[in-house]
Amino acid sequence: MTQSTTLQIVDLIPSEKVVSVDQHEKGGLFSCDGDQHTWTGVTYVTVQPGSDIEEVMKRIKPTLEDLLRDRGAFAVSSRLDFFGDYALAAQSSTTSEAYLLAMDEGDLIVINSWSECFTLPESMYPGGGF
């Protein structure tokens, strides 16, 4: 579900700006607590050279809010990251589900995503790729 939502977020970016989308097939699991885990993954969106990525992300922020409104209590916020670049964060206030859109070197938007916490079957080892 998290990967599907990430692709819905990618679809908010004007198609004429998108050169390619690389959604990693596998992600990793991180512990939420003693019994549950969250899946985390990454998607790279290459945009047309010379695109104003900050402007692209500012323009999709209201649409991102609309997209997630039906999914529950999400807070969508913007901030400057460690490097002074614009970033968007969408985080559920009721689950661990979250999405972070950030600018990267060149013409790249990186979308990091985290699923809701869930319980793995007892026989499943949480290490490796998922």
Protein backbone atom coordinates (compact mmCIF):
# COMPACT_ATOMS: atom_id res chain seq x y z
CA MET A 1 0.00 0.00 0.00
CA THR A 2 2.86 2.38 0.80
CA GLN A 3 4.45 1.86 -2.60
CA SER A 4 1.09 2.42 -4.28
CA THR A 5 0.56 5.67 -2.38
CA THR A 6 4.07 6.76 -3.32
CA LEU A 7 3.22 6.28 -7.00
CA GLN A 8 0.04 8.32 -6.46
CA ILE A 9 2.28 11.08 -5.06
CA VAL A 10 4.52 10.82 -8.14
CA ASP A 11 1.40 11.24 -10.28
CA LEU A 12 0.86 14.66 -8.65
CA ILE A 13 4.02 15.93 -10.34
CA PRO A 14 3.15 17.42 -13.75
CA SER A 15 3.84 14.67 -16.30
CA GLU A 16 5.74 17.03 -18.58
CA LYS A 17 8.28 17.51 -15.76
CA VAL A 18 8.87 13.78 -15.13
CA VAL A 19 11.70 12.09 -17.04
CA SER A 20 11.76 8.80 -15.13
CA VAL A 21 10.60 7.08 -11.95
CA ASP A 22 12.72 4.50 -10.14
CA GLN A 23 10.78 2.89 -7.32
CA HIS A 24 12.99 0.40 -5.55
CA GLU A 25 11.26 -2.94 -5.54
CA LYS A 26 12.49 -3.77 -2.05
CA GLY A 27 12.85 -1.83 1.15
CA GLY A 28 13.71 -2.67 4.71
CA LEU A 29 11.94 -3.31 7.98
CA PHE A 30 12.48 -1.28 11.11
CA SER A 31 11.14 -2.01 14.55
CA CYS A 32 8.19 0.06 15.77
CA ASP A 33 8.17 -1.69 19.13
CA GLY A 34 8.90 -5.16 20.41
CA ASP A 35 6.27 -6.85 18.23
CA GLN A 36 5.72 -4.65 15.19
CA HIS A 37 7.68 -3.35 12.23
CA THR A 38 7.39 -0.61 9.62
CA TRP A 39 8.45 -1.08 6.02
CA THR A 40 10.52 1.73 4.54
CA GLY A 41 11.38 2.29 0.91
CA VAL A 42 12.57 4.88 -1.57
CA THR A 43 11.48 6.19 -4.95
CA TYR A 44 13.56 8.46 -7.19
CA VAL A 45 11.85 10.86 -9.60
CA THR A 46 14.09 12.44 -12.22
CA VAL A 47 12.61 15.68 -13.54
CA GLN A 48 13.39 17.68 -16.67
CA PRO A 49 16.79 19.39 -16.48
CA GLY A 50 16.51 22.94 -15.26
CA SER A 51 13.15 22.38 -13.53
CA ASP A 52 12.57 24.43 -10.40
CA ILE A 53 12.09 21.45 -8.07
CA GLU A 54 11.18 23.65 -5.13
CA GLU A 55 8.38 25.24 -7.17
CA VAL A 56 7.18 21.80 -8.33
CA MET A 57 6.95 20.58 -4.73
CA LYS A 58 5.25 23.77 -3.53
CA ARG A 59 2.63 23.41 -6.24
CA ILE A 60 1.81 19.78 -5.36
CA LYS A 61 1.52 20.39 -1.60
CA PRO A 62 -2.24 21.21 -1.63
CA THR A 63 -2.95 18.25 -3.90
CA LEU A 64 -0.91 15.99 -1.61
CA GLU A 65 -3.07 17.15 1.28
CA ASP A 66 -6.19 16.28 -0.75
CA LEU A 67 -4.80 12.86 -1.69
CA LEU A 68 -4.10 11.91 1.92
CA ARG A 69 -7.22 13.49 3.45
CA ASP A 70 -9.21 10.35 2.67
CA ARG A 71 -6.55 8.20 4.32
CA GLY A 72 -6.93 9.62 7.82
CA ALA A 73 -5.21 12.21 9.93
CA PHE A 74 -2.18 13.30 7.90
CA ALA A 75 -0.25 16.48 8.54
CA VAL A 76 1.49 17.83 5.45
CA SER A 77 4.24 20.31 6.18
CA SER A 78 7.12 21.96 4.42
CA ARG A 79 10.52 22.93 5.71
CA LEU A 80 14.08 23.56 4.69
CA ASP A 81 16.25 20.48 5.11
CA PHE A 82 19.78 20.25 6.47
CA PHE A 83 21.17 21.62 3.19
CA GLY A 84 18.68 24.49 3.00
CA ASP A 85 16.59 22.78 0.30
CA TYR A 86 12.80 22.71 0.34
CA ALA A 87 11.23 19.44 1.56
CA LEU A 88 7.68 18.17 2.03
CA ALA A 89 6.65 15.81 4.81
CA ALA A 90 3.34 13.98 5.14
CA GLN A 91 2.90 12.09 8.38
CA SER A 92 -0.04 10.29 9.88
CA SER A 93 -0.89 11.32 13.42
CA THR A 94 -2.48 7.94 14.12
CA THR A 95 -0.02 5.50 12.51
CA SER A 96 3.65 5.37 11.58
CA GLU A 97 2.86 5.92 7.87
CA ALA A 98 4.81 8.84 6.41
CA TYR A 99 6.25 10.27 3.19
CA LEU A 100 9.19 12.65 2.81
CA LEU A 101 9.85 14.39 -0.49
CA ALA A 102 13.25 16.01 -0.78
CA MET A 103 15.44 17.51 -3.46
CA ASP A 104 18.64 15.70 -4.29
CA GLU A 105 21.65 16.48 -6.46
CA GLY A 106 20.83 17.28 -10.04
CA ASP A 107 17.25 17.02 -11.17
CA LEU A 108 16.03 14.51 -8.62
CA ILE A 109 13.19 14.28 -6.13
CA VAL A 110 13.64 11.53 -3.55
CA ILE A 111 10.54 10.15 -1.86
CA ASN A 112 11.21 8.16 1.30
CA SER A 113 8.20 6.29 2.64
CA TRP A 114 7.23 4.38 5.78
CA SER A 115 4.29 2.03 6.19
CA GLU A 116 1.95 1.62 9.11
CA CYS A 117 3.31 -0.66 11.82
CA PHE A 118 2.38 -4.30 11.39
CA THR A 119 3.08 -7.67 12.94
CA LEU A 120 5.15 -10.18 10.98
CA PRO A 121 4.25 -13.85 11.06
CA GLU A 122 6.24 -15.57 13.81
CA SER A 123 8.24 -17.63 11.31
CA MET A 124 9.43 -14.58 9.34
CA TYR A 125 12.85 -13.07 10.03
CA PRO A 126 12.76 -9.23 9.77
CA GLY A 127 16.26 -8.89 8.26
CA GLY A 128 17.14 -8.44 4.61
CA GLY A 129 15.07 -6.88 1.85
CA PHE A 130 11.28 -6.83 1.72
